[in-house]
Amino acid sequence: MQHLPVDARPREKLLARGPAALADAELLALLLRTGLPGLGVLQLAQSLLDRFGGLAGLLHLQRQGVVAPGSRVGVLLTGVQR
């Protein structure tokens, strides 16, 4: 994310403006922390959201046991459910 201007980076946006200022993909990217080879973390987060129908789809995966509750994504989704 170093290619983004400082004020457009998710972590900095979160600290400056709070979680409501971030898109779901940015929040998920913060929890994932890293992308994959050839796929940045923001693109990975958006891809996951697109593939599984947003945060609701990821919550459904966790309920089905596809996403481990102790994983970073699982921890995020547990917080979202509350």
PDB file of N, CA and C in Angstrom:
ATOM      1  N   MET A   1       0.809  -1.187   0.000  1.00  0.00           N
ATOM      2  CA  MET A   1       0.000   0.000   0.000  1.00  0.00           C
ATOM      3  C   MET A   1       0.856   1.256   0.000  1.00  0.00           C
ATOM      4  N   GLN A   2       2.145   1.069  -0.124  1.00  0.00           N
ATOM      5  CA  GLN A   2       3.040   2.206  -0.109  1.00  0.00           C
ATOM      6  C   GLN A   2       2.850   3.104  -1.324  1.00  0.00           C
ATOM      7  N   HIS A   3       2.209   2.589  -2.378  1.00  0.00           N
ATOM      8  CA  HIS A   3       1.961   3.394  -3.572  1.00  0.00           C
ATOM      9  C   HIS A   3       0.831   4.394  -3.363  1.00  0.00           C
ATOM     10  N   LEU A   4       0.026   4.202  -2.320  1.00  0.00           N
ATOM     11  CA  LEU A   4      -1.083   5.106  -2.026  1.00  0.00           C
ATOM     12  C   LEU A   4      -0.586   6.332  -1.267  1.00  0.00           C
ATOM     13  N   PRO A   5      -1.227   7.478  -1.477  1.00  0.00           N
ATOM     14  CA  PRO A   5      -0.900   8.638  -0.642  1.00  0.00           C
ATOM     15  C   PRO A   5      -1.160   8.298   0.829  1.00  0.00           C
ATOM     16  N   VAL A   6      -0.412   8.886   1.716  1.00  0.00           N
ATOM     17  CA  VAL A   6      -0.514   8.550   3.139  1.00  0.00           C
ATOM     18  C   VAL A   6      -1.949   8.659   3.648  1.00  0.00           C
ATOM     19  N   ASP A   7      -2.665   9.704   3.263  1.00  0.00           N
ATOM     20  CA  ASP A   7      -4.020   9.887   3.788  1.00  0.00           C
ATOM     21  C   ASP A   7      -5.048   8.953   3.149  1.00  0.00           C
ATOM     22  N   ALA A   8      -4.646   8.180   2.144  1.00  0.00           N
ATOM     23  CA  ALA A   8      -5.551   7.221   1.499  1.00  0.00           C
ATOM     24  C   ALA A   8      -5.288   5.793   1.976  1.00  0.00           C
ATOM     25  N   ARG A   9      -4.274   5.588   2.779  1.00  0.00           N
ATOM     26  CA  ARG A   9      -3.953   4.252   3.279  1.00  0.00           C
ATOM     27  C   ARG A   9      -4.941   3.867   4.372  1.00  0.00           C
ATOM     28  N   PRO A  10      -5.437   2.635   4.336  1.00  0.00           N
ATOM     29  CA  PRO A  10      -6.469   2.223   5.293  1.00  0.00           C
ATOM     30  C   PRO A  10      -6.109   2.441   6.760  1.00  0.00           C
ATOM     31  N   ARG A  11      -4.903   2.103   7.149  1.00  0.00           N
ATOM     32  CA  ARG A  11      -4.540   2.263   8.562  1.00  0.00           C
ATOM     33  C   ARG A  11      -4.579   3.730   8.970  1.00  0.00           C
ATOM     34  N   GLU A  12      -4.021   4.570   8.135  1.00  0.00           N
ATOM     35  CA  GLU A  12      -3.996   5.991   8.440  1.00  0.00           C
ATOM     36  C   GLU A  12      -5.406   6.584   8.417  1.00  0.00           C
ATOM     37  N   LYS A  13      -6.231   6.138   7.465  1.00  0.00           N
ATOM     38  CA  LYS A  13      -7.628   6.589   7.430  1.00  0.00           C
ATOM     39  C   LYS A  13      -8.363   6.176   8.695  1.00  0.00           C
ATOM     40  N   LEU A  14      -8.130   4.950   9.136  1.00  0.00           N
ATOM     41  CA  LEU A  14      -8.770   4.450  10.350  1.00  0.00           C
ATOM     42  C   LEU A  14      -8.389   5.312  11.547  1.00  0.00           C
ATOM     43  N   LEU A  15      -7.111   5.591  11.681  1.00  0.00           N
ATOM     44  CA  LEU A  15      -6.652   6.392  12.818  1.00  0.00           C
ATOM     45  C   LEU A  15      -7.154   7.828  12.758  1.00  0.00           C
ATOM     46  N   ALA A  16      -7.201   8.393  11.559  1.00  0.00           N
ATOM     47  CA  ALA A  16      -7.589   9.796  11.422  1.00  0.00           C
ATOM     48  C   ALA A  16      -9.101  10.009  11.443  1.00  0.00           C
ATOM     49  N   ARG A  17      -9.849   9.084  10.817  1.00  0.00           N
ATOM     50  CA  ARG A  17     -11.284   9.315  10.629  1.00  0.00           C
ATOM     51  C   ARG A  17     -12.204   8.267  11.245  1.00  0.00           C
ATOM     52  N   GLY A  18     -11.647   7.190  11.753  1.00  0.00           N
ATOM     53  CA  GLY A  18     -12.453   6.150  12.378  1.00  0.00           C
ATOM     54  C   GLY A  18     -12.908   5.093  11.381  1.00  0.00           C
ATOM     55  N   PRO A  19     -13.442   3.978  11.896  1.00  0.00           N
ATOM     56  CA  PRO A  19     -13.804   2.842  11.036  1.00  0.00           C
ATOM     57  C   PRO A  19     -14.920   3.141  10.040  1.00  0.00           C
ATOM     58  N   ALA A  20     -15.785   4.078  10.341  1.00  0.00           N
ATOM     59  CA  ALA A  20     -16.889   4.395   9.427  1.00  0.00           C
ATOM     60  C   ALA A  20     -16.395   5.009   8.121  1.00  0.00           C
ATOM     61  N   ALA A  21     -15.181   5.514   8.113  1.00  0.00           N
ATOM     62  CA  ALA A  21     -14.623   6.149   6.907  1.00  0.00           C
ATOM     63  C   ALA A  21     -14.048   5.124   5.931  1.00  0.00           C
ATOM     64  N   LEU A  22     -13.946   3.868   6.348  1.00  0.00           N
ATOM     65  CA  LEU A  22     -13.333   2.839   5.521  1.00  0.00           C
ATOM     66  C   LEU A  22     -14.380   1.963   4.856  1.00  0.00           C
ATOM     67  N   ALA A  23     -14.070   1.555   3.647  1.00  0.00           N
ATOM     68  CA  ALA A  23     -14.901   0.580   2.939  1.00  0.00           C
ATOM     69  C   ALA A  23     -14.642  -0.799   3.555  1.00  0.00           C
ATOM     70  N   ASP A  24     -15.564  -1.727   3.321  1.00  0.00           N
ATOM     71  CA  ASP A  24     -15.399  -3.082   3.839  1.00  0.00           C
ATOM     72  C   ASP A  24     -14.073  -3.692   3.386  1.00  0.00           C
ATOM     73  N   ALA A  25     -13.694  -3.456   2.139  1.00  0.00           N
ATOM     74  CA  ALA A  25     -12.442  -4.014   1.622  1.00  0.00           C
ATOM     75  C   ALA A  25     -11.239  -3.457   2.384  1.00  0.00           C
ATOM     76  N   GLU A  26     -11.288  -2.187   2.756  1.00  0.00           N
ATOM     77  CA  GLU A  26     -10.187  -1.596   3.502  1.00  0.00           C
ATOM     78  C   GLU A  26     -10.105  -2.186   4.908  1.00  0.00           C
ATOM     79  N   LEU A  27     -11.243  -2.374   5.559  1.00  0.00           N
ATOM     80  CA  LEU A  27     -11.251  -2.983   6.893  1.00  0.00           C
ATOM     81  C   LEU A  27     -10.727  -4.416   6.838  1.00  0.00           C
ATOM     82  N   LEU A  28     -11.187  -5.176   5.864  1.00  0.00           N
ATOM     83  CA  LEU A  28     -10.721  -6.551   5.710  1.00  0.00           C
ATOM     84  C   LEU A  28      -9.230  -6.581   5.393  1.00  0.00           C
ATOM     85  N   ALA A  29      -8.761  -5.661   4.566  1.00  0.00           N
ATOM     86  CA  ALA A  29      -7.336  -5.595   4.213  1.00  0.00           C
ATOM     87  C   ALA A  29      -6.474  -5.350   5.452  1.00  0.00           C
ATOM     88  N   LEU A  30      -6.951  -4.530   6.368  1.00  0.00           N
ATOM     89  CA  LEU A  30      -6.206  -4.283   7.598  1.00  0.00           C
ATOM     90  C   LEU A  30      -6.034  -5.567   8.401  1.00  0.00           C
ATOM     91  N   LEU A  31      -7.056  -6.385   8.427  1.00  0.00           N
ATOM     92  CA  LEU A  31      -6.971  -7.624   9.189  1.00  0.00           C
ATOM     93  C   LEU A  31      -6.171  -8.702   8.471  1.00  0.00           C
ATOM     94  N   LEU A  32      -6.255  -8.729   7.164  1.00  0.00           N
ATOM     95  CA  LEU A  32      -5.465  -9.701   6.407  1.00  0.00           C
ATOM     96  C   LEU A  32      -3.976  -9.370   6.482  1.00  0.00           C
ATOM     97  N   ARG A  33      -3.654  -8.080   6.514  1.00  0.00           N
ATOM     98  CA  ARG A  33      -2.301  -7.538   6.643  1.00  0.00           C
ATOM     99  C   ARG A  33      -1.431  -7.707   5.417  1.00  0.00           C
ATOM    100  N   THR A  34      -1.501  -8.821   4.728  1.00  0.00           N
ATOM    101  CA  THR A  34      -0.666  -9.022   3.547  1.00  0.00           C
ATOM    102  C   THR A  34      -1.484  -9.646   2.428  1.00  0.00           C
ATOM    103  N   GLY A  35      -1.048  -9.388   1.216  1.00  0.00           N
ATOM    104  CA  GLY A  35      -1.697  -9.984   0.056  1.00  0.00           C
ATOM    105  C   GLY A  35      -1.017 -11.284  -0.320  1.00  0.00           C
ATOM    106  N   LEU A  36      -1.121 -11.617  -1.579  1.00  0.00           N
ATOM    107  CA  LEU A  36      -0.488 -12.809  -2.141  1.00  0.00           C
ATOM    108  C   LEU A  36       0.476 -12.357  -3.229  1.00  0.00           C
ATOM    109  N   PRO A  37       1.377 -13.234  -3.643  1.00  0.00           N
ATOM    110  CA  PRO A  37       2.269 -12.836  -4.736  1.00  0.00           C
ATOM    111  C   PRO A  37       1.464 -12.363  -5.955  1.00  0.00           C
ATOM    112  N   GLY A  38       1.725 -11.144  -6.379  1.00  0.00           N
ATOM    113  CA  GLY A  38       1.031 -10.584  -7.533  1.00  0.00           C
ATOM    114  C   GLY A  38      -0.348 -10.017  -7.231  1.00  0.00           C
ATOM    115  N   LEU A  39      -0.770 -10.068  -5.967  1.00  0.00           N
ATOM    116  CA  LEU A  39      -2.099  -9.580  -5.590  1.00  0.00           C
ATOM    117  C   LEU A  39      -1.975  -8.827  -4.272  1.00  0.00           C
ATOM    118  N   GLY A  40      -2.129  -7.506  -4.335  1.00  0.00           N
ATOM    119  CA  GLY A  40      -2.029  -6.688  -3.133  1.00  0.00           C
ATOM    120  C   GLY A  40      -3.148  -6.989  -2.154  1.00  0.00           C
ATOM    121  N   VAL A  41      -2.943  -6.591  -0.926  1.00  0.00           N
ATOM    122  CA  VAL A  41      -3.913  -6.899   0.127  1.00  0.00           C
ATOM    123  C   VAL A  41      -5.278  -6.256  -0.131  1.00  0.00           C
ATOM    124  N   LEU A  42      -5.308  -5.038  -0.670  1.00  0.00           N
ATOM    125  CA  LEU A  42      -6.600  -4.413  -0.978  1.00  0.00           C
ATOM    126  C   LEU A  42      -7.334  -5.169  -2.080  1.00  0.00           C
ATOM    127  N   GLN A  43      -6.590  -5.613  -3.079  1.00  0.00           N
ATOM    128  CA  GLN A  43      -7.207  -6.379  -4.164  1.00  0.00           C
ATOM    129  C   GLN A  43      -7.677  -7.736  -3.661  1.00  0.00           C
ATOM    130  N   LEU A  44      -6.894  -8.370  -2.787  1.00  0.00           N
ATOM    131  CA  LEU A  44      -7.290  -9.647  -2.206  1.00  0.00           C
ATOM    132  C   LEU A  44      -8.569  -9.492  -1.388  1.00  0.00           C
ATOM    133  N   ALA A  45      -8.611  -8.460  -0.562  1.00  0.00           N
ATOM    134  CA  ALA A  45      -9.796  -8.224   0.269  1.00  0.00           C
ATOM    135  C   ALA A  45     -11.031  -8.003  -0.606  1.00  0.00           C
ATOM    136  N   GLN A  46     -10.904  -7.176  -1.639  1.00  0.00           N
ATOM    137  CA  GLN A  46     -12.042  -6.919  -2.523  1.00  0.00           C
ATOM    138  C   GLN A  46     -12.452  -8.188  -3.262  1.00  0.00           C
ATOM    139  N   SER A  47     -11.479  -8.965  -3.670  1.00  0.00           N
ATOM    140  CA  SER A  47     -11.764 -10.221  -4.358  1.00  0.00           C
ATOM    141  C   SER A  47     -12.545 -11.182  -3.464  1.00  0.00           C
ATOM    142  N   LEU A  48     -12.148 -11.277  -2.199  1.00  0.00           N
ATOM    143  CA  LEU A  48     -12.868 -12.144  -1.256  1.00  0.00           C
ATOM    144  C   LEU A  48     -14.298 -11.658  -1.048  1.00  0.00           C
ATOM    145  N   LEU A  49     -14.447 -10.355  -0.888  1.00  0.00           N
ATOM    146  CA  LEU A  49     -15.789  -9.795  -0.704  1.00  0.00           C
ATOM    147  C   LEU A  49     -16.658 -10.037  -1.930  1.00  0.00           C
ATOM    148  N   ASP A  50     -16.091  -9.836  -3.109  1.00  0.00           N
ATOM    149  CA  ASP A  50     -16.832 -10.063  -4.356  1.00  0.00           C
ATOM    150  C   ASP A  50     -17.215 -11.531  -4.504  1.00  0.00           C
ATOM    151  N   ARG A  51     -16.257 -12.404  -4.219  1.00  0.00           N
ATOM    152  CA  ARG A  51     -16.489 -13.837  -4.427  1.00  0.00           C
ATOM    153  C   ARG A  51     -17.545 -14.402  -3.488  1.00  0.00           C
ATOM    154  N   PHE A  52     -17.560 -13.917  -2.255  1.00  0.00           N
ATOM    155  CA  PHE A  52     -18.452 -14.505  -1.260  1.00  0.00           C
ATOM    156  C   PHE A  52     -19.630 -13.613  -0.874  1.00  0.00           C
ATOM    157  N   GLY A  53     -19.854 -12.549  -1.617  1.00  0.00           N
ATOM    158  CA  GLY A  53     -21.035 -11.726  -1.383  1.00  0.00           C
ATOM    159  C   GLY A  53     -20.918 -10.765  -0.223  1.00  0.00           C
ATOM    160  N   GLY A  54     -19.740 -10.190  -0.039  1.00  0.00           N
ATOM    161  CA  GLY A  54     -19.555  -9.193   1.012  1.00  0.00           C
ATOM    162  C   GLY A  54     -19.304  -9.822   2.372  1.00  0.00           C
ATOM    163  N   LEU A  55     -19.372  -8.986   3.393  1.00  0.00           N
ATOM    164  CA  LEU A  55     -19.128  -9.474   4.756  1.00  0.00           C
ATOM    165  C   LEU A  55     -20.163 -10.509   5.161  1.00  0.00           C
ATOM    166  N   ALA A  56     -21.391 -10.361   4.700  1.00  0.00           N
ATOM    167  CA  ALA A  56     -22.436 -11.343   5.030  1.00  0.00           C
ATOM    168  C   ALA A  56     -22.067 -12.722   4.488  1.00  0.00           C
ATOM    169  N   GLY A  57     -21.525 -12.765   3.293  1.00  0.00           N
ATOM    170  CA  GLY A  57     -21.104 -14.036   2.716  1.00  0.00           C
ATOM    171  C   GLY A  57     -19.945 -14.648   3.481  1.00  0.00           C
ATOM    172  N   LEU A  58     -19.015 -13.823   3.933  1.00  0.00           N
ATOM    173  CA  LEU A  58     -17.905 -14.328   4.733  1.00  0.00           C
ATOM    174  C   LEU A  58     -18.393 -14.820   6.093  1.00  0.00           C
ATOM    175  N   LEU A  59     -19.382 -14.147   6.666  1.00  0.00           N
ATOM    176  CA  LEU A  59     -19.980 -14.622   7.920  1.00  0.00           C
ATOM    177  C   LEU A  59     -20.607 -15.996   7.726  1.00  0.00           C
ATOM    178  N   HIS A  60     -21.268 -16.177   6.609  1.00  0.00           N
ATOM    179  CA  HIS A  60     -21.897 -17.464   6.296  1.00  0.00           C
ATOM    180  C   HIS A  60     -20.833 -18.559   6.209  1.00  0.00           C
ATOM    181  N   LEU A  61     -19.699 -18.251   5.606  1.00  0.00           N
ATOM    182  CA  LEU A  61     -18.613 -19.232   5.507  1.00  0.00           C
ATOM    183  C   LEU A  61     -18.116 -19.634   6.890  1.00  0.00           C
ATOM    184  N   GLN A  62     -18.034 -18.657   7.792  1.00  0.00           N
ATOM    185  CA  GLN A  62     -17.566 -18.974   9.134  1.00  0.00           C
ATOM    186  C   GLN A  62     -18.570 -19.885   9.836  1.00  0.00           C
ATOM    187  N   ARG A  63     -19.852 -19.612   9.672  1.00  0.00           N
ATOM    188  CA  ARG A  63     -20.871 -20.452  10.306  1.00  0.00           C
ATOM    189  C   ARG A  63     -20.831 -21.878   9.776  1.00  0.00           C
ATOM    190  N   GLN A  64     -20.423 -22.024   8.520  1.00  0.00           N
ATOM    191  CA  GLN A  64     -20.318 -23.352   7.923  1.00  0.00           C
ATOM    192  C   GLN A  64     -19.000 -24.032   8.270  1.00  0.00           C
ATOM    193  N   GLY A  65     -18.106 -23.344   8.943  1.00  0.00           N
ATOM    194  CA  GLY A  65     -16.827 -23.910   9.319  1.00  0.00           C
ATOM    195  C   GLY A  65     -15.754 -23.795   8.258  1.00  0.00           C
ATOM    196  N   VAL A  66     -16.014 -23.034   7.190  1.00  0.00           N
ATOM    197  CA  VAL A  66     -15.025 -22.864   6.128  1.00  0.00           C
ATOM    198  C   VAL A  66     -13.919 -21.914   6.572  1.00  0.00           C
ATOM    199  N   VAL A  67     -14.275 -20.894   7.335  1.00  0.00           N
ATOM    200  CA  VAL A  67     -13.300 -19.940   7.874  1.00  0.00           C
ATOM    201  C   VAL A  67     -13.094 -20.282   9.338  1.00  0.00           C
ATOM    202  N   ALA A  68     -11.864 -20.569   9.723  1.00  0.00           N
ATOM    203  CA  ALA A  68     -11.556 -20.955  11.095  1.00  0.00           C
ATOM    204  C   ALA A  68     -11.787 -19.785  12.045  1.00  0.00           C
ATOM    205  N   PRO A  69     -12.479 -20.030  13.158  1.00  0.00           N
ATOM    206  CA  PRO A  69     -12.758 -18.950  14.113  1.00  0.00           C
ATOM    207  C   PRO A  69     -11.505 -18.255  14.638  1.00  0.00           C
ATOM    208  N   GLY A  70     -10.374 -18.945  14.765  1.00  0.00           N
ATOM    209  CA  GLY A  70      -9.153 -18.339  15.289  1.00  0.00           C
ATOM    210  C   GLY A  70      -8.313 -17.619  14.253  1.00  0.00           C
ATOM    211  N   SER A  71      -8.679 -17.728  12.986  1.00  0.00           N
ATOM    212  CA  SER A  71      -7.918 -17.045  11.941  1.00  0.00           C
ATOM    213  C   SER A  71      -8.187 -15.549  12.001  1.00  0.00           C
ATOM    214  N   ARG A  72      -7.344 -14.768  11.325  1.00  0.00           N
ATOM    215  CA  ARG A  72      -7.562 -13.315  11.308  1.00  0.00           C
ATOM    216  C   ARG A  72      -8.937 -12.978  10.766  1.00  0.00           C
ATOM    217  N   VAL A  73      -9.331 -13.639   9.691  1.00  0.00           N
ATOM    218  CA  VAL A  73     -10.646 -13.379   9.110  1.00  0.00           C
ATOM    219  C   VAL A  73     -11.734 -13.839  10.069  1.00  0.00           C
ATOM    220  N   GLY A  74     -11.530 -14.978  10.702  1.00  0.00           N
ATOM    221  CA  GLY A  74     -12.508 -15.476  11.668  1.00  0.00           C
ATOM    222  C   GLY A  74     -12.701 -14.539  12.839  1.00  0.00           C
ATOM    223  N   VAL A  75     -11.608 -13.981  13.334  1.00  0.00           N
ATOM    224  CA  VAL A  75     -11.686 -13.014  14.441  1.00  0.00           C
ATOM    225  C   VAL A  75     -12.457 -11.779  14.003  1.00  0.00           C
ATOM    226  N   LEU A  76     -12.169 -11.294  12.803  1.00  0.00           N
ATOM    227  CA  LEU A  76     -12.901 -10.145  12.250  1.00  0.00           C
ATOM    228  C   LEU A  76     -14.391 -10.440  12.190  1.00  0.00           C
ATOM    229  N   LEU A  77     -14.726 -11.594  11.667  1.00  0.00           N
ATOM    230  CA  LEU A  77     -16.132 -11.931  11.485  1.00  0.00           C
ATOM    231  C   LEU A  77     -16.843 -12.135  12.809  1.00  0.00           C
ATOM    232  N   THR A  78     -16.137 -12.633  13.802  1.00  0.00           N
ATOM    233  CA  THR A  78     -16.732 -12.775  15.129  1.00  0.00           C
ATOM    234  C   THR A  78     -17.079 -11.383  15.671  1.00  0.00           C
ATOM    235  N   GLY A  79     -16.203 -10.418  15.471  1.00  0.00           N
ATOM    236  CA  GLY A  79     -16.467  -9.046  15.895  1.00  0.00           C
ATOM    237  C   GLY A  79     -17.615  -8.427  15.150  1.00  0.00           C
ATOM    238  N   VAL A  80     -17.763  -8.757  13.862  1.00  0.00           N
ATOM    239  CA  VAL A  80     -18.846  -8.215  13.051  1.00  0.00           C
ATOM    240  C   VAL A  80     -20.181  -8.764  13.502  1.00  0.00           C
ATOM    241  N   GLN A  81     -20.215 -10.012  13.942  1.00  0.00           N
ATOM    242  CA  GLN A  81     -21.466 -10.638  14.356  1.00  0.00           C
ATOM    243  C   GLN A  81     -22.037 -10.016  15.607  1.00  0.00           C
ATOM    244  N   ARG A  82     -21.198  -9.439  16.438  1.00  0.00           N
ATOM    245  CA  ARG A  82     -21.662  -8.901  17.726  1.00  0.00           C
ATOM    246  C   ARG A  82     -22.281  -7.560  17.600  1.00  0.00           C
TER     247      ARG A  82
END
